[in-house]
Amino acid sequence: MTKAYWVSAYHEVKDAEALAAYAKLAGPALTAAGAKFLARGLPAATKEAGMMQRLVLIEFETVAQALAAYASPGYQEALAALGKNAVIRDMRIIEGV
C-alpha cells in the first residue's frame, strides 16, 4: 500500500492560545490514529514562491487511515478547541509515490 501525507500550511495565526489548545489535543489524537509526525515548524529556507509560514507534515500508512484520523472523535475535539477563526490554514492529504 502507498503511504499518505497530511500537509498543513498555516497562512496566519490569529489566536495563539486557541492554536496551543488545539495542538495539545491534536497531537495525541493523531498519534493514536497512526500518525507519524515528520516535520513541523517554520521553514529553514524558502525558495521561489515559498512563504515563511508554519508547516506540518504527517505520515500515515494509507489515505484511508489519514481520512479516518481527521474524522476521529479525538481530532474533531481538537478542531472544536481551535475554533473557526483562530487560524487561516490549508490542509491537504496526498498519496505518496
PDB file of N, CA and C in Angstrom:
ATOM      1  N   MET A   1       0.829  -1.185   0.000  1.00  0.00           N
ATOM      2  CA  MET A   1       0.000   0.000   0.000  1.00  0.00           C
ATOM      3  C   MET A   1       0.878   1.254   0.000  1.00  0.00           C
ATOM      4  N   THR A   2       0.341   2.305  -0.562  1.00  0.00           N
ATOM      5  CA  THR A   2       1.051   3.568  -0.653  1.00  0.00           C
ATOM      6  C   THR A   2       0.778   4.420   0.582  1.00  0.00           C
ATOM      7  N   LYS A   3       1.824   5.002   1.122  1.00  0.00           N
ATOM      8  CA  LYS A   3       1.668   5.870   2.288  1.00  0.00           C
ATOM      9  C   LYS A   3       0.943   7.139   1.881  1.00  0.00           C
ATOM     10  N   ALA A   4       0.436   7.848   2.896  1.00  0.00           N
ATOM     11  CA  ALA A   4      -0.249   9.113   2.673  1.00  0.00           C
ATOM     12  C   ALA A   4       0.383  10.174   3.551  1.00  0.00           C
ATOM     13  N   TYR A   5       0.297  11.409   3.099  1.00  0.00           N
ATOM     14  CA  TYR A   5       0.894  12.525   3.817  1.00  0.00           C
ATOM     15  C   TYR A   5      -0.146  13.630   4.020  1.00  0.00           C
ATOM     16  N   TRP A   6      -0.175  14.118   5.236  1.00  0.00           N
ATOM     17  CA  TRP A   6      -1.079  15.190   5.636  1.00  0.00           C
ATOM     18  C   TRP A   6      -0.185  16.418   5.737  1.00  0.00           C
ATOM     19  N   VAL A   7      -0.495  17.438   4.949  1.00  0.00           N
ATOM     20  CA  VAL A   7       0.311  18.655   4.902  1.00  0.00           C
ATOM     21  C   VAL A   7      -0.575  19.825   5.300  1.00  0.00           C
ATOM     22  N   SER A   8      -0.169  20.555   6.333  1.00  0.00           N
ATOM     23  CA  SER A   8      -0.908  21.744   6.768  1.00  0.00           C
ATOM     24  C   SER A   8       0.002  22.953   6.677  1.00  0.00           C
ATOM     25  N   ALA A   9      -0.482  24.000   6.013  1.00  0.00           N
ATOM     26  CA  ALA A   9       0.242  25.269   5.908  1.00  0.00           C
ATOM     27  C   ALA A   9      -0.566  26.332   6.632  1.00  0.00           C
ATOM     28  N   TYR A  10       0.055  26.947   7.603  1.00  0.00           N
ATOM     29  CA  TYR A  10      -0.604  27.984   8.405  1.00  0.00           C
ATOM     30  C   TYR A  10      -0.285  29.350   7.804  1.00  0.00           C
ATOM     31  N   HIS A  11      -1.261  29.938   7.130  1.00  0.00           N
ATOM     32  CA  HIS A  11      -1.066  31.228   6.480  1.00  0.00           C
ATOM     33  C   HIS A  11      -1.088  32.369   7.496  1.00  0.00           C
ATOM     34  N   GLU A  12      -1.896  32.209   8.536  1.00  0.00           N
ATOM     35  CA  GLU A  12      -1.995  33.250   9.567  1.00  0.00           C
ATOM     36  C   GLU A  12      -2.487  32.635  10.867  1.00  0.00           C
ATOM     37  N   VAL A  13      -1.871  33.027  11.969  1.00  0.00           N
ATOM     38  CA  VAL A  13      -2.328  32.626  13.304  1.00  0.00           C
ATOM     39  C   VAL A  13      -2.917  33.859  13.971  1.00  0.00           C
ATOM     40  N   LYS A  14      -4.212  33.806  14.230  1.00  0.00           N
ATOM     41  CA  LYS A  14      -4.910  34.933  14.833  1.00  0.00           C
ATOM     42  C   LYS A  14      -5.074  34.774  16.338  1.00  0.00           C
ATOM     43  N   ASP A  15      -5.068  33.532  16.821  1.00  0.00           N
ATOM     44  CA  ASP A  15      -5.273  33.260  18.245  1.00  0.00           C
ATOM     45  C   ASP A  15      -4.315  32.146  18.675  1.00  0.00           C
ATOM     46  N   ALA A  16      -3.168  32.558  19.212  1.00  0.00           N
ATOM     47  CA  ALA A  16      -2.135  31.591  19.598  1.00  0.00           C
ATOM     48  C   ALA A  16      -2.601  30.678  20.726  1.00  0.00           C
ATOM     49  N   GLU A  17      -3.434  31.169  21.623  1.00  0.00           N
ATOM     50  CA  GLU A  17      -3.929  30.329  22.720  1.00  0.00           C
ATOM     51  C   GLU A  17      -4.831  29.216  22.197  1.00  0.00           C
ATOM     52  N   ALA A  18      -5.686  29.530  21.244  1.00  0.00           N
ATOM     53  CA  ALA A  18      -6.547  28.502  20.646  1.00  0.00           C
ATOM     54  C   ALA A  18      -5.706  27.486  19.884  1.00  0.00           C
ATOM     55  N   LEU A  19      -4.664  27.948  19.204  1.00  0.00           N
ATOM     56  CA  LEU A  19      -3.778  27.031  18.495  1.00  0.00           C
ATOM     57  C   LEU A  19      -3.069  26.103  19.473  1.00  0.00           C
ATOM     58  N   ALA A  20      -2.645  26.627  20.613  1.00  0.00           N
ATOM     59  CA  ALA A  20      -1.989  25.800  21.635  1.00  0.00           C
ATOM     60  C   ALA A  20      -2.964  24.764  22.199  1.00  0.00           C
ATOM     61  N   ALA A  21      -4.215  25.155  22.420  1.00  0.00           N
ATOM     62  CA  ALA A  21      -5.233  24.216  22.918  1.00  0.00           C
ATOM     63  C   ALA A  21      -5.488  23.117  21.886  1.00  0.00           C
ATOM     64  N   TYR A  22      -5.538  23.505  20.624  1.00  0.00           N
ATOM     65  CA  TYR A  22      -5.701  22.539  19.533  1.00  0.00           C
ATOM     66  C   TYR A  22      -4.536  21.552  19.510  1.00  0.00           C
ATOM     67  N   ALA A  23      -3.313  22.081  19.556  1.00  0.00           N
ATOM     68  CA  ALA A  23      -2.119  21.233  19.469  1.00  0.00           C
ATOM     69  C   ALA A  23      -2.049  20.232  20.615  1.00  0.00           C
ATOM     70  N   LYS A  24      -2.463  20.663  21.782  1.00  0.00           N
ATOM     71  CA  LYS A  24      -2.448  19.781  22.962  1.00  0.00           C
ATOM     72  C   LYS A  24      -3.347  18.561  22.755  1.00  0.00           C
ATOM     73  N   LEU A  25      -4.444  18.755  22.039  1.00  0.00           N
ATOM     74  CA  LEU A  25      -5.379  17.657  21.764  1.00  0.00           C
ATOM     75  C   LEU A  25      -5.074  16.935  20.455  1.00  0.00           C
ATOM     76  N   ALA A  26      -4.672  17.680  19.441  1.00  0.00           N
ATOM     77  CA  ALA A  26      -4.492  17.102  18.108  1.00  0.00           C
ATOM     78  C   ALA A  26      -3.327  16.125  18.053  1.00  0.00           C
ATOM     79  N   GLY A  27      -2.204  16.471  18.666  1.00  0.00           N
ATOM     80  CA  GLY A  27      -1.040  15.584  18.618  1.00  0.00           C
ATOM     81  C   GLY A  27      -1.344  14.188  19.117  1.00  0.00           C
ATOM     82  N   PRO A  28      -1.860  14.053  20.350  1.00  0.00           N
ATOM     83  CA  PRO A  28      -2.185  12.719  20.847  1.00  0.00           C
ATOM     84  C   PRO A  28      -3.281  12.018  20.040  1.00  0.00           C
ATOM     85  N   ALA A  29      -4.286  12.773  19.579  1.00  0.00           N
ATOM     86  CA  ALA A  29      -5.371  12.156  18.806  1.00  0.00           C
ATOM     87  C   ALA A  29      -4.844  11.594  17.495  1.00  0.00           C
ATOM     88  N   LEU A  30      -3.986  12.351  16.827  1.00  0.00           N
ATOM     89  CA  LEU A  30      -3.452  11.880  15.550  1.00  0.00           C
ATOM     90  C   LEU A  30      -2.461  10.741  15.743  1.00  0.00           C
ATOM     91  N   THR A  31      -1.635  10.821  16.760  1.00  0.00           N
ATOM     92  CA  THR A  31      -0.688   9.740  17.044  1.00  0.00           C
ATOM     93  C   THR A  31      -1.444   8.444  17.333  1.00  0.00           C
ATOM     94  N   ALA A  32      -2.523   8.548  18.104  1.00  0.00           N
ATOM     95  CA  ALA A  32      -3.342   7.370  18.408  1.00  0.00           C
ATOM     96  C   ALA A  32      -3.974   6.786  17.144  1.00  0.00           C
ATOM     97  N   ALA A  33      -4.176   7.637  16.137  1.00  0.00           N
ATOM     98  CA  ALA A  33      -4.781   7.193  14.876  1.00  0.00           C
ATOM     99  C   ALA A  33      -3.733   6.729  13.870  1.00  0.00           C
ATOM    100  N   GLY A  34      -2.468   6.635  14.300  1.00  0.00           N
ATOM    101  CA  GLY A  34      -1.432   6.096  13.437  1.00  0.00           C
ATOM    102  C   GLY A  34      -0.533   7.128  12.771  1.00  0.00           C
ATOM    103  N   ALA A  35      -0.653   8.389  13.154  1.00  0.00           N
ATOM    104  CA  ALA A  35       0.167   9.435  12.549  1.00  0.00           C
ATOM    105  C   ALA A  35       1.615   9.330  12.996  1.00  0.00           C
ATOM    106  N   LYS A  36       2.500   9.672  12.071  1.00  0.00           N
ATOM    107  CA  LYS A  36       3.924   9.821  12.376  1.00  0.00           C
ATOM    108  C   LYS A  36       4.304  11.241  11.953  1.00  0.00           C
ATOM    109  N   PHE A  37       4.610  12.084  12.938  1.00  0.00           N
ATOM    110  CA  PHE A  37       4.969  13.470  12.638  1.00  0.00           C
ATOM    111  C   PHE A  37       6.377  13.490  12.052  1.00  0.00           C
ATOM    112  N   LEU A  38       6.500  14.007  10.831  1.00  0.00           N
ATOM    113  CA  LEU A  38       7.786  14.052  10.145  1.00  0.00           C
ATOM    114  C   LEU A  38       8.460  15.414  10.274  1.00  0.00           C
ATOM    115  N   ALA A  39       7.666  16.481  10.243  1.00  0.00           N
ATOM    116  CA  ALA A  39       8.231  17.831  10.338  1.00  0.00           C
ATOM    117  C   ALA A  39       7.134  18.784  10.790  1.00  0.00           C
ATOM    118  N   ARG A  40       7.556  19.801  11.559  1.00  0.00           N
ATOM    119  CA  ARG A  40       6.628  20.874  11.915  1.00  0.00           C
ATOM    120  C   ARG A  40       7.437  22.083  12.358  1.00  0.00           C
ATOM    121  N   GLY A  41       6.925  23.236  12.026  1.00  0.00           N
ATOM    122  CA  GLY A  41       7.592  24.476  12.378  1.00  0.00           C
ATOM    123  C   GLY A  41       7.761  25.376  11.166  1.00  0.00           C
ATOM    124  N   LEU A  42       8.621  26.384  11.327  1.00  0.00           N
ATOM    125  CA  LEU A  42       8.908  27.310  10.231  1.00  0.00           C
ATOM    126  C   LEU A  42       9.960  26.709   9.307  1.00  0.00           C
ATOM    127  N   PRO A  43       9.910  27.039   8.026  1.00  0.00           N
ATOM    128  CA  PRO A  43      10.906  26.523   7.083  1.00  0.00           C
ATOM    129  C   PRO A  43      12.316  26.977   7.443  1.00  0.00           C
ATOM    130  N   ALA A  44      13.292  26.129   7.189  1.00  0.00           N
ATOM    131  CA  ALA A  44      14.697  26.503   7.346  1.00  0.00           C
ATOM    132  C   ALA A  44      15.084  27.507   6.263  1.00  0.00           C
ATOM    133  N   ALA A  45      14.448  27.408   5.103  1.00  0.00           N
ATOM    134  CA  ALA A  45      14.676  28.329   3.996  1.00  0.00           C
ATOM    135  C   ALA A  45      13.442  28.281   3.104  1.00  0.00           C
ATOM    136  N   THR A  46      13.218  29.349   2.369  1.00  0.00           N
ATOM    137  CA  THR A  46      12.149  29.371   1.375  1.00  0.00           C
ATOM    138  C   THR A  46      12.767  29.689   0.024  1.00  0.00           C
ATOM    139  N   LYS A  47      12.220  29.110  -1.011  1.00  0.00           N
ATOM    140  CA  LYS A  47      12.712  29.321  -2.370  1.00  0.00           C
ATOM    141  C   LYS A  47      11.525  29.585  -3.282  1.00  0.00           C
ATOM    142  N   GLU A  48      11.816  30.208  -4.405  1.00  0.00           N
ATOM    143  CA  GLU A  48      10.818  30.528  -5.420  1.00  0.00           C
ATOM    144  C   GLU A  48       9.661  31.277  -4.785  1.00  0.00           C
ATOM    145  N   ALA A  49       8.452  30.778  -4.797  1.00  0.00           N
ATOM    146  CA  ALA A  49       7.315  31.494  -4.213  1.00  0.00           C
ATOM    147  C   ALA A  49       7.025  31.040  -2.783  1.00  0.00           C
ATOM    148  N   GLY A  50       7.992  30.361  -2.146  1.00  0.00           N
ATOM    149  CA  GLY A  50       7.797  29.866  -0.784  1.00  0.00           C
ATOM    150  C   GLY A  50       7.531  30.990   0.206  1.00  0.00           C
ATOM    151  N   MET A  51       6.789  30.660   1.237  1.00  0.00           N
ATOM    152  CA  MET A  51       6.426  31.642   2.254  1.00  0.00           C
ATOM    153  C   MET A  51       6.953  31.179   3.605  1.00  0.00           C
ATOM    154  N   MET A  52       7.357  32.100   4.428  1.00  0.00           N
ATOM    155  CA  MET A  52       7.838  31.801   5.775  1.00  0.00           C
ATOM    156  C   MET A  52       6.611  31.647   6.682  1.00  0.00           C
ATOM    157  N   GLN A  53       6.055  30.443   6.681  1.00  0.00           N
ATOM    158  CA  GLN A  53       4.872  30.147   7.483  1.00  0.00           C
ATOM    159  C   GLN A  53       5.005  28.744   8.065  1.00  0.00           C
ATOM    160  N   ARG A  54       4.323  28.536   9.177  1.00  0.00           N
ATOM    161  CA  ARG A  54       4.361  27.251   9.864  1.00  0.00           C
ATOM    162  C   ARG A  54       3.806  26.160   8.950  1.00  0.00           C
ATOM    163  N   LEU A  55       4.518  25.030   8.911  1.00  0.00           N
ATOM    164  CA  LEU A  55       4.087  23.862   8.149  1.00  0.00           C
ATOM    165  C   LEU A  55       4.123  22.637   9.048  1.00  0.00           C
ATOM    166  N   VAL A  56       3.232  21.706   8.777  1.00  0.00           N
ATOM    167  CA  VAL A  56       3.214  20.425   9.483  1.00  0.00           C
ATOM    168  C   VAL A  56       3.109  19.331   8.431  1.00  0.00           C
ATOM    169  N   LEU A  57       3.966  18.322   8.551  1.00  0.00           N
ATOM    170  CA  LEU A  57       3.973  17.183   7.639  1.00  0.00           C
ATOM    171  C   LEU A  57       3.834  15.911   8.464  1.00  0.00           C
ATOM    172  N   ILE A  58       2.780  15.152   8.187  1.00  0.00           N
ATOM    173  CA  ILE A  58       2.467  13.942   8.942  1.00  0.00           C
ATOM    174  C   ILE A  58       2.322  12.781   7.960  1.00  0.00           C
ATOM    175  N   GLU A  59       2.864  11.628   8.335  1.00  0.00           N
ATOM    176  CA  GLU A  59       2.776  10.425   7.502  1.00  0.00           C
ATOM    177  C   GLU A  59       1.768   9.449   8.096  1.00  0.00           C
ATOM    178  N   PHE A  60       0.994   8.824   7.214  1.00  0.00           N
ATOM    179  CA  PHE A  60       0.075   7.744   7.574  1.00  0.00           C
ATOM    180  C   PHE A  60       0.351   6.558   6.660  1.00  0.00           C
ATOM    181  N   GLU A  61      -0.044   5.397   7.069  1.00  0.00           N
ATOM    182  CA  GLU A  61       0.160   4.196   6.260  1.00  0.00           C
ATOM    183  C   GLU A  61      -0.660   4.213   4.980  1.00  0.00           C
ATOM    184  N   THR A  62      -1.868   4.830   5.014  1.00  0.00           N
ATOM    185  CA  THR A  62      -2.743   4.871   3.847  1.00  0.00           C
ATOM    186  C   THR A  62      -3.564   6.159   3.861  1.00  0.00           C
ATOM    187  N   VAL A  63      -4.136   6.489   2.714  1.00  0.00           N
ATOM    188  CA  VAL A  63      -5.057   7.626   2.639  1.00  0.00           C
ATOM    189  C   VAL A  63      -6.260   7.373   3.543  1.00  0.00           C
ATOM    190  N   ALA A  64      -6.774   6.152   3.530  1.00  0.00           N
ATOM    191  CA  ALA A  64      -7.933   5.831   4.375  1.00  0.00           C
ATOM    192  C   ALA A  64      -7.626   6.084   5.845  1.00  0.00           C
ATOM    193  N   GLN A  65      -6.430   5.750   6.284  1.00  0.00           N
ATOM    194  CA  GLN A  65      -6.046   5.982   7.678  1.00  0.00           C
ATOM    195  C   GLN A  65      -5.983   7.484   7.979  1.00  0.00           C
ATOM    196  N   ALA A  66      -5.453   8.264   7.044  1.00  0.00           N
ATOM    197  CA  ALA A  66      -5.383   9.714   7.232  1.00  0.00           C
ATOM    198  C   ALA A  66      -6.778  10.323   7.306  1.00  0.00           C
ATOM    199  N   LEU A  67      -7.659   9.876   6.432  1.00  0.00           N
ATOM    200  CA  LEU A  67      -9.037  10.386   6.444  1.00  0.00           C
ATOM    201  C   LEU A  67      -9.764   9.983   7.724  1.00  0.00           C
ATOM    202  N   ALA A  68      -9.528   8.760   8.173  1.00  0.00           N
ATOM    203  CA  ALA A  68     -10.152   8.305   9.427  1.00  0.00           C
ATOM    204  C   ALA A  68      -9.618   9.099  10.611  1.00  0.00           C
ATOM    205  N   ALA A  69      -8.342   9.439  10.594  1.00  0.00           N
ATOM    206  CA  ALA A  69      -7.761  10.254  11.674  1.00  0.00           C
ATOM    207  C   ALA A  69      -8.432  11.617  11.726  1.00  0.00           C
ATOM    208  N   TYR A  70      -8.648  12.218  10.552  1.00  0.00           N
ATOM    209  CA  TYR A  70      -9.306  13.527  10.510  1.00  0.00           C
ATOM    210  C   TYR A  70     -10.723  13.440  11.073  1.00  0.00           C
ATOM    211  N   ALA A  71     -11.425  12.386  10.751  1.00  0.00           N
ATOM    212  CA  ALA A  71     -12.819  12.220  11.194  1.00  0.00           C
ATOM    213  C   ALA A  71     -12.945  11.703  12.622  1.00  0.00           C
ATOM    214  N   SER A  72     -11.846  11.306  13.242  1.00  0.00           N
ATOM    215  CA  SER A  72     -11.902  10.691  14.567  1.00  0.00           C
ATOM    216  C   SER A  72     -12.440  11.654  15.624  1.00  0.00           C
ATOM    217  N   PRO A  73     -13.110  11.119  16.643  1.00  0.00           N
ATOM    218  CA  PRO A  73     -13.636  11.974  17.713  1.00  0.00           C
ATOM    219  C   PRO A  73     -12.549  12.819  18.386  1.00  0.00           C
ATOM    220  N   GLY A  74     -11.384  12.251  18.600  1.00  0.00           N
ATOM    221  CA  GLY A  74     -10.309  12.998  19.248  1.00  0.00           C
ATOM    222  C   GLY A  74      -9.847  14.184  18.420  1.00  0.00           C
ATOM    223  N   TYR A  75      -9.705  13.994  17.102  1.00  0.00           N
ATOM    224  CA  TYR A  75      -9.287  15.112  16.265  1.00  0.00           C
ATOM    225  C   TYR A  75     -10.408  16.140  16.118  1.00  0.00           C
ATOM    226  N   GLN A  76     -11.635  15.676  16.056  1.00  0.00           N
ATOM    227  CA  GLN A  76     -12.756  16.618  15.986  1.00  0.00           C
ATOM    228  C   GLN A  76     -12.839  17.474  17.253  1.00  0.00           C
ATOM    229  N   GLU A  77     -12.497  16.893  18.396  1.00  0.00           N
ATOM    230  CA  GLU A  77     -12.428  17.662  19.640  1.00  0.00           C
ATOM    231  C   GLU A  77     -11.334  18.728  19.540  1.00  0.00           C
ATOM    232  N   ALA A  78     -10.204  18.370  18.950  1.00  0.00           N
ATOM    233  CA  ALA A  78      -9.121  19.340  18.755  1.00  0.00           C
ATOM    234  C   ALA A  78      -9.565  20.478  17.840  1.00  0.00           C
ATOM    235  N   LEU A  79     -10.277  20.158  16.768  1.00  0.00           N
ATOM    236  CA  LEU A  79     -10.776  21.194  15.868  1.00  0.00           C
ATOM    237  C   LEU A  79     -11.755  22.123  16.575  1.00  0.00           C
ATOM    238  N   ALA A  80     -12.574  21.560  17.453  1.00  0.00           N
ATOM    239  CA  ALA A  80     -13.506  22.394  18.219  1.00  0.00           C
ATOM    240  C   ALA A  80     -12.743  23.359  19.123  1.00  0.00           C
ATOM    241  N   ALA A  81     -11.649  22.896  19.722  1.00  0.00           N
ATOM    242  CA  ALA A  81     -10.828  23.763  20.570  1.00  0.00           C
ATOM    243  C   ALA A  81     -10.160  24.865  19.740  1.00  0.00           C
ATOM    244  N   LEU A  82      -9.813  24.558  18.502  1.00  0.00           N
ATOM    245  CA  LEU A  82      -9.200  25.547  17.622  1.00  0.00           C
ATOM    246  C   LEU A  82     -10.203  26.637  17.258  1.00  0.00           C
ATOM    247  N   GLY A  83     -11.448  26.250  17.053  1.00  0.00           N
ATOM    248  CA  GLY A  83     -12.473  27.223  16.684  1.00  0.00           C
ATOM    249  C   GLY A  83     -12.416  27.562  15.199  1.00  0.00           C
ATOM    250  N   LYS A  84     -13.263  28.455  14.795  1.00  0.00           N
ATOM    251  CA  LYS A  84     -13.422  28.800  13.376  1.00  0.00           C
ATOM    252  C   LYS A  84     -12.460  29.882  12.894  1.00  0.00           C
ATOM    253  N   ASN A  85     -12.024  30.768  13.772  1.00  0.00           N
ATOM    254  CA  ASN A  85     -11.270  31.937  13.324  1.00  0.00           C
ATOM    255  C   ASN A  85      -9.873  32.063  13.915  1.00  0.00           C
ATOM    256  N   ALA A  86      -9.369  31.043  14.575  1.00  0.00           N
ATOM    257  CA  ALA A  86      -8.065  31.141  15.242  1.00  0.00           C
ATOM    258  C   ALA A  86      -6.901  31.130  14.252  1.00  0.00           C
ATOM    259  N   VAL A  87      -7.066  30.410  13.159  1.00  0.00           N
ATOM    260  CA  VAL A  87      -6.003  30.331  12.149  1.00  0.00           C
ATOM    261  C   VAL A  87      -6.619  30.347  10.756  1.00  0.00           C
ATOM    262  N   ILE A  88      -5.792  30.749   9.822  1.00  0.00           N
ATOM    263  CA  ILE A  88      -6.099  30.553   8.402  1.00  0.00           C
ATOM    264  C   ILE A  88      -5.041  29.572   7.916  1.00  0.00           C
ATOM    265  N   ARG A  89      -5.491  28.407   7.487  1.00  0.00           N
ATOM    266  CA  ARG A  89      -4.561  27.373   7.034  1.00  0.00           C
ATOM    267  C   ARG A  89      -5.193  26.595   5.914  1.00  0.00           C
ATOM    268  N   ASP A  90      -4.351  25.923   5.186  1.00  0.00           N
ATOM    269  CA  ASP A  90      -4.879  24.951   4.241  1.00  0.00           C
ATOM    270  C   ASP A  90      -4.248  23.617   4.577  1.00  0.00           C
ATOM    271  N   MET A  91      -5.050  22.602   4.446  1.00  0.00           N
ATOM    272  CA  MET A  91      -4.638  21.254   4.836  1.00  0.00           C
ATOM    273  C   MET A  91      -4.967  20.325   3.673  1.00  0.00           C
ATOM    274  N   ARG A  92      -3.997  19.464   3.360  1.00  0.00           N
ATOM    275  CA  ARG A  92      -4.175  18.522   2.237  1.00  0.00           C
ATOM    276  C   ARG A  92      -3.714  17.143   2.662  1.00  0.00           C
ATOM    277  N   ILE A  93      -4.367  16.144   2.128  1.00  0.00           N
ATOM    278  CA  ILE A  93      -3.931  14.760   2.291  1.00  0.00           C
ATOM    279  C   ILE A  93      -3.570  14.287   0.899  1.00  0.00           C
ATOM    280  N   ILE A  94      -2.305  13.850   0.742  1.00  0.00           N
ATOM    281  CA  ILE A  94      -1.852  13.394  -0.564  1.00  0.00           C
ATOM    282  C   ILE A  94      -1.291  11.986  -0.457  1.00  0.00           C
ATOM    283  N   GLU A  95      -1.402  11.251  -1.552  1.00  0.00           N
ATOM    284  CA  GLU A  95      -0.879   9.903  -1.608  1.00  0.00           C
ATOM    285  C   GLU A  95       0.601   9.948  -1.989  1.00  0.00           C
ATOM    286  N   GLY A  96       1.385   9.124  -1.330  1.00  0.00           N
ATOM    287  CA  GLY A  96       2.814   9.045  -1.657  1.00  0.00           C
ATOM    288  C   GLY A  96       3.059   8.387  -2.993  1.00  0.00           C
ATOM    289  N   VAL A  97       4.290   8.464  -3.447  1.00  0.00           N
ATOM    290  CA  VAL A  97       4.644   7.852  -4.728  1.00  0.00           C
ATOM    291  C   VAL A  97       5.503   6.616  -4.498  1.00  0.00           C
TER     292      VAL A  97
END
